Amino acid sequence: MATKQHGHIIETAREARQAESGPSVFALLTISTGLAVVILGALWLVFFR
């Protein structure tokens, strides 16, 4: 928890960046990249085949 010393707020690095430590960011990146590959593959099949 953030503390105050001499008028300054002292936080750990994790608190300062509001650490998102769950797997949700990894899942979002994986799903969005996979979806982009599928969409680009479908476009390639439609227009270049």
PDB file of N, CA and C in Angstrom:
ATOM      1  N   MET A   1       0.844  -1.172   0.000  1.00  0.00           N
ATOM      2  CA  MET A   1       0.000   0.000   0.000  1.00  0.00           C
ATOM      3  C   MET A   1       0.893   1.239   0.000  1.00  0.00           C
ATOM      4  N   ALA A   2       0.458   2.260  -0.706  1.00  0.00           N
ATOM      5  CA  ALA A   2       1.226   3.493  -0.803  1.00  0.00           C
ATOM      6  C   ALA A   2       1.322   4.163   0.565  1.00  0.00           C
ATOM      7  N   THR A   3       2.514   4.704   0.846  1.00  0.00           N
ATOM      8  CA  THR A   3       2.736   5.425   2.096  1.00  0.00           C
ATOM      9  C   THR A   3       3.217   6.828   1.780  1.00  0.00           C
ATOM     10  N   LYS A   4       3.131   7.713   2.751  1.00  0.00           N
ATOM     11  CA  LYS A   4       3.577   9.081   2.567  1.00  0.00           C
ATOM     12  C   LYS A   4       4.770   9.338   3.467  1.00  0.00           C
ATOM     13  N   GLN A   5       5.848   9.857   2.893  1.00  0.00           N
ATOM     14  CA  GLN A   5       7.034  10.217   3.662  1.00  0.00           C
ATOM     15  C   GLN A   5       7.480  11.606   3.226  1.00  0.00           C
ATOM     16  N   HIS A   6       7.551  12.517   4.165  1.00  0.00           N
ATOM     17  CA  HIS A   6       8.008  13.885   3.900  1.00  0.00           C
ATOM     18  C   HIS A   6       7.205  14.543   2.779  1.00  0.00           C
ATOM     19  N   GLY A   7       5.912  14.263   2.716  1.00  0.00           N
ATOM     20  CA  GLY A   7       5.048  14.889   1.721  1.00  0.00           C
ATOM     21  C   GLY A   7       5.058  14.218   0.354  1.00  0.00           C
ATOM     22  N   HIS A   8       5.816  13.132   0.195  1.00  0.00           N
ATOM     23  CA  HIS A   8       5.865  12.419  -1.074  1.00  0.00           C
ATOM     24  C   HIS A   8       5.205  11.060  -0.918  1.00  0.00           C
ATOM     25  N   ILE A   9       4.515  10.622  -1.972  1.00  0.00           N
ATOM     26  CA  ILE A   9       3.887   9.299  -1.960  1.00  0.00           C
ATOM     27  C   ILE A   9       4.923   8.273  -2.401  1.00  0.00           C
ATOM     28  N   ILE A  10       5.095   7.248  -1.591  1.00  0.00           N
ATOM     29  CA  ILE A  10       6.058   6.183  -1.878  1.00  0.00           C
ATOM     30  C   ILE A  10       5.280   4.926  -2.260  1.00  0.00           C
ATOM     31  N   GLU A  11       5.536   4.433  -3.474  1.00  0.00           N
ATOM     32  CA  GLU A  11       4.880   3.214  -3.960  1.00  0.00           C
ATOM     33  C   GLU A  11       5.932   2.248  -4.477  1.00  0.00           C
ATOM     34  N   THR A  12       5.593   0.970  -4.457  1.00  0.00           N
ATOM     35  CA  THR A  12       6.461  -0.010  -5.103  1.00  0.00           C
ATOM     36  C   THR A  12       6.283   0.109  -6.612  1.00  0.00           C
ATOM     37  N   ALA A  13       7.184  -0.488  -7.370  1.00  0.00           N
ATOM     38  CA  ALA A  13       7.082  -0.439  -8.833  1.00  0.00           C
ATOM     39  C   ALA A  13       5.777  -1.080  -9.301  1.00  0.00           C
ATOM     40  N   ARG A  14       5.382  -2.141  -8.636  1.00  0.00           N
ATOM     41  CA  ARG A  14       4.144  -2.836  -9.008  1.00  0.00           C
ATOM     42  C   ARG A  14       2.928  -1.940  -8.801  1.00  0.00           C
ATOM     43  N   GLU A  15       2.903  -1.224  -7.688  1.00  0.00           N
ATOM     44  CA  GLU A  15       1.787  -0.316  -7.418  1.00  0.00           C
ATOM     45  C   GLU A  15       1.791   0.858  -8.394  1.00  0.00           C
ATOM     46  N   ALA A  16       2.964   1.350  -8.735  1.00  0.00           N
ATOM     47  CA  ALA A  16       3.063   2.520  -9.593  1.00  0.00           C
ATOM     48  C   ALA A  16       2.540   2.237 -10.995  1.00  0.00           C
ATOM     49  N   ARG A  17       2.775   1.048 -11.506  1.00  0.00           N
ATOM     50  CA  ARG A  17       2.301   0.750 -12.865  1.00  0.00           C
ATOM     51  C   ARG A  17       1.002  -0.042 -12.857  1.00  0.00           C
ATOM     52  N   GLN A  18       0.387  -0.190 -11.711  1.00  0.00           N
ATOM     53  CA  GLN A  18      -0.885  -0.894 -11.542  1.00  0.00           C
ATOM     54  C   GLN A  18      -0.813  -2.276 -12.168  1.00  0.00           C
ATOM     55  N   ALA A  19       0.171  -3.023 -11.804  1.00  0.00           N
ATOM     56  CA  ALA A  19       0.567  -4.290 -12.405  1.00  0.00           C
ATOM     57  C   ALA A  19      -0.615  -5.188 -12.767  1.00  0.00           C
ATOM     58  N   GLU A  20      -0.763  -5.427 -14.049  1.00  0.00           N
ATOM     59  CA  GLU A  20      -1.727  -6.392 -14.561  1.00  0.00           C
ATOM     60  C   GLU A  20      -0.993  -7.723 -14.611  1.00  0.00           C
ATOM     61  N   SER A  21      -1.207  -8.555 -13.623  1.00  0.00           N
ATOM     62  CA  SER A  21      -0.426  -9.789 -13.543  1.00  0.00           C
ATOM     63  C   SER A  21      -1.191 -11.019 -14.014  1.00  0.00           C
ATOM     64  N   GLY A  22      -2.431 -10.856 -14.373  1.00  0.00           N
ATOM     65  CA  GLY A  22      -3.228 -12.004 -14.773  1.00  0.00           C
ATOM     66  C   GLY A  22      -2.960 -12.424 -16.201  1.00  0.00           C
ATOM     67  N   PRO A  23      -3.515 -13.552 -16.597  1.00  0.00           N
ATOM     68  CA  PRO A  23      -3.295 -14.065 -17.958  1.00  0.00           C
ATOM     69  C   PRO A  23      -4.155 -13.363 -19.003  1.00  0.00           C
ATOM     70  N   SER A  24      -4.937 -12.394 -18.597  1.00  0.00           N
ATOM     71  CA  SER A  24      -5.868 -11.771 -19.536  1.00  0.00           C
ATOM     72  C   SER A  24      -5.161 -11.017 -20.653  1.00  0.00           C
ATOM     73  N   VAL A  25      -4.044 -10.376 -20.373  1.00  0.00           N
ATOM     74  CA  VAL A  25      -3.311  -9.644 -21.406  1.00  0.00           C
ATOM     75  C   VAL A  25      -2.737 -10.622 -22.422  1.00  0.00           C
ATOM     76  N   PHE A  26      -2.144 -11.704 -21.943  1.00  0.00           N
ATOM     77  CA  PHE A  26      -1.596 -12.720 -22.848  1.00  0.00           C
ATOM     78  C   PHE A  26      -2.695 -13.333 -23.709  1.00  0.00           C
ATOM     79  N   ALA A  27      -3.838 -13.628 -23.104  1.00  0.00           N
ATOM     80  CA  ALA A  27      -4.954 -14.216 -23.853  1.00  0.00           C
ATOM     81  C   ALA A  27      -5.458 -13.235 -24.908  1.00  0.00           C
ATOM     82  N   LEU A  28      -5.581 -11.967 -24.561  1.00  0.00           N
ATOM     83  CA  LEU A  28      -6.045 -10.961 -25.512  1.00  0.00           C
ATOM     84  C   LEU A  28      -5.092 -10.855 -26.697  1.00  0.00           C
ATOM     85  N   LEU A  29      -3.800 -10.797 -26.436  1.00  0.00           N
ATOM     86  CA  LEU A  29      -2.822 -10.704 -27.524  1.00  0.00           C
ATOM     87  C   LEU A  29      -2.835 -11.948 -28.401  1.00  0.00           C
ATOM     88  N   THR A  30      -2.957 -13.118 -27.787  1.00  0.00           N
ATOM     89  CA  THR A  30      -2.968 -14.363 -28.548  1.00  0.00           C
ATOM     90  C   THR A  30      -4.204 -14.463 -29.430  1.00  0.00           C
ATOM     91  N   ILE A  31      -5.353 -14.164 -28.870  1.00  0.00           N
ATOM     92  CA  ILE A  31      -6.603 -14.255 -29.626  1.00  0.00           C
ATOM     93  C   ILE A  31      -6.636 -13.221 -30.753  1.00  0.00           C
ATOM     94  N   SER A  32      -6.211 -11.994 -30.471  1.00  0.00           N
ATOM     95  CA  SER A  32      -6.253 -10.963 -31.507  1.00  0.00           C
ATOM     96  C   SER A  32      -5.263 -11.258 -32.630  1.00  0.00           C
ATOM     97  N   THR A  33      -4.095 -11.801 -32.289  1.00  0.00           N
ATOM     98  CA  THR A  33      -3.131 -12.156 -33.336  1.00  0.00           C
ATOM     99  C   THR A  33      -3.657 -13.313 -34.181  1.00  0.00           C
ATOM    100  N   GLY A  34      -4.239 -14.304 -33.530  1.00  0.00           N
ATOM    101  CA  GLY A  34      -4.824 -15.417 -34.270  1.00  0.00           C
ATOM    102  C   GLY A  34      -5.958 -14.976 -35.175  1.00  0.00           C
ATOM    103  N   LEU A  35      -6.791 -14.085 -34.679  1.00  0.00           N
ATOM    104  CA  LEU A  35      -7.894 -13.562 -35.485  1.00  0.00           C
ATOM    105  C   LEU A  35      -7.375 -12.775 -36.682  1.00  0.00           C
ATOM    106  N   ALA A  36      -6.325 -11.994 -36.484  1.00  0.00           N
ATOM    107  CA  ALA A  36      -5.729 -11.239 -37.589  1.00  0.00           C
ATOM    108  C   ALA A  36      -5.178 -12.182 -38.656  1.00  0.00           C
ATOM    109  N   VAL A  37      -4.557 -13.288 -38.242  1.00  0.00           N
ATOM    110  CA  VAL A  37      -4.028 -14.266 -39.192  1.00  0.00           C
ATOM    111  C   VAL A  37      -5.160 -14.910 -39.981  1.00  0.00           C
ATOM    112  N   VAL A  38      -6.239 -15.246 -39.312  1.00  0.00           N
ATOM    113  CA  VAL A  38      -7.386 -15.866 -39.993  1.00  0.00           C
ATOM    114  C   VAL A  38      -7.995 -14.892 -41.003  1.00  0.00           C
ATOM    115  N   ILE A  39      -8.175 -13.648 -40.612  1.00  0.00           N
ATOM    116  CA  ILE A  39      -8.773 -12.652 -41.515  1.00  0.00           C
ATOM    117  C   ILE A  39      -7.869 -12.405 -42.722  1.00  0.00           C
ATOM    118  N   LEU A  40      -6.568 -12.242 -42.469  1.00  0.00           N
ATOM    119  CA  LEU A  40      -5.653 -12.021 -43.593  1.00  0.00           C
ATOM    120  C   LEU A  40      -5.580 -13.245 -44.503  1.00  0.00           C
ATOM    121  N   GLY A  41      -5.646 -14.443 -43.930  1.00  0.00           N
ATOM    122  CA  GLY A  41      -5.673 -15.657 -44.747  1.00  0.00           C
ATOM    123  C   GLY A  41      -6.915 -15.734 -45.615  1.00  0.00           C
ATOM    124  N   ALA A  42      -8.063 -15.366 -45.055  1.00  0.00           N
ATOM    125  CA  ALA A  42      -9.313 -15.368 -45.836  1.00  0.00           C
ATOM    126  C   ALA A  42      -9.247 -14.339 -46.961  1.00  0.00           C
ATOM    127  N   LEU A  43      -8.704 -13.166 -46.668  1.00  0.00           N
ATOM    128  CA  LEU A  43      -8.572 -12.146 -47.715  1.00  0.00           C
ATOM    129  C   LEU A  43      -7.631 -12.617 -48.820  1.00  0.00           C
ATOM    130  N   TRP A  44      -6.563 -13.287 -48.443  1.00  0.00           N
ATOM    131  CA  TRP A  44      -5.627 -13.795 -49.444  1.00  0.00           C
ATOM    132  C   TRP A  44      -6.311 -14.840 -50.335  1.00  0.00           C
ATOM    133  N   LEU A  45      -7.107 -15.716 -49.718  1.00  0.00           N
ATOM    134  CA  LEU A  45      -7.814 -16.744 -50.506  1.00  0.00           C
ATOM    135  C   LEU A  45      -8.812 -16.113 -51.465  1.00  0.00           C
ATOM    136  N   VAL A  46      -9.509 -15.059 -51.034  1.00  0.00           N
ATOM    137  CA  VAL A  46     -10.528 -14.436 -51.874  1.00  0.00           C
ATOM    138  C   VAL A  46      -9.897 -13.650 -53.019  1.00  0.00           C
ATOM    139  N   PHE A  47      -8.860 -12.892 -52.765  1.00  0.00           N
ATOM    140  CA  PHE A  47      -8.353 -11.963 -53.761  1.00  0.00           C
ATOM    141  C   PHE A  47      -7.165 -12.466 -54.571  1.00  0.00           C
ATOM    142  N   PHE A  48      -6.388 -13.404 -54.057  1.00  0.00           N
ATOM    143  CA  PHE A  48      -5.152 -13.788 -54.723  1.00  0.00           C
ATOM    144  C   PHE A  48      -5.112 -15.243 -55.174  1.00  0.00           C
ATOM    145  N   ARG A  49      -6.233 -15.911 -55.140  1.00  0.00           N
ATOM    146  CA  ARG A  49      -6.234 -17.300 -55.572  1.00  0.00           C
ATOM    147  C   ARG A  49      -7.010 -17.507 -56.797  1.00  0.00           C
TER     148      ARG A  49
END
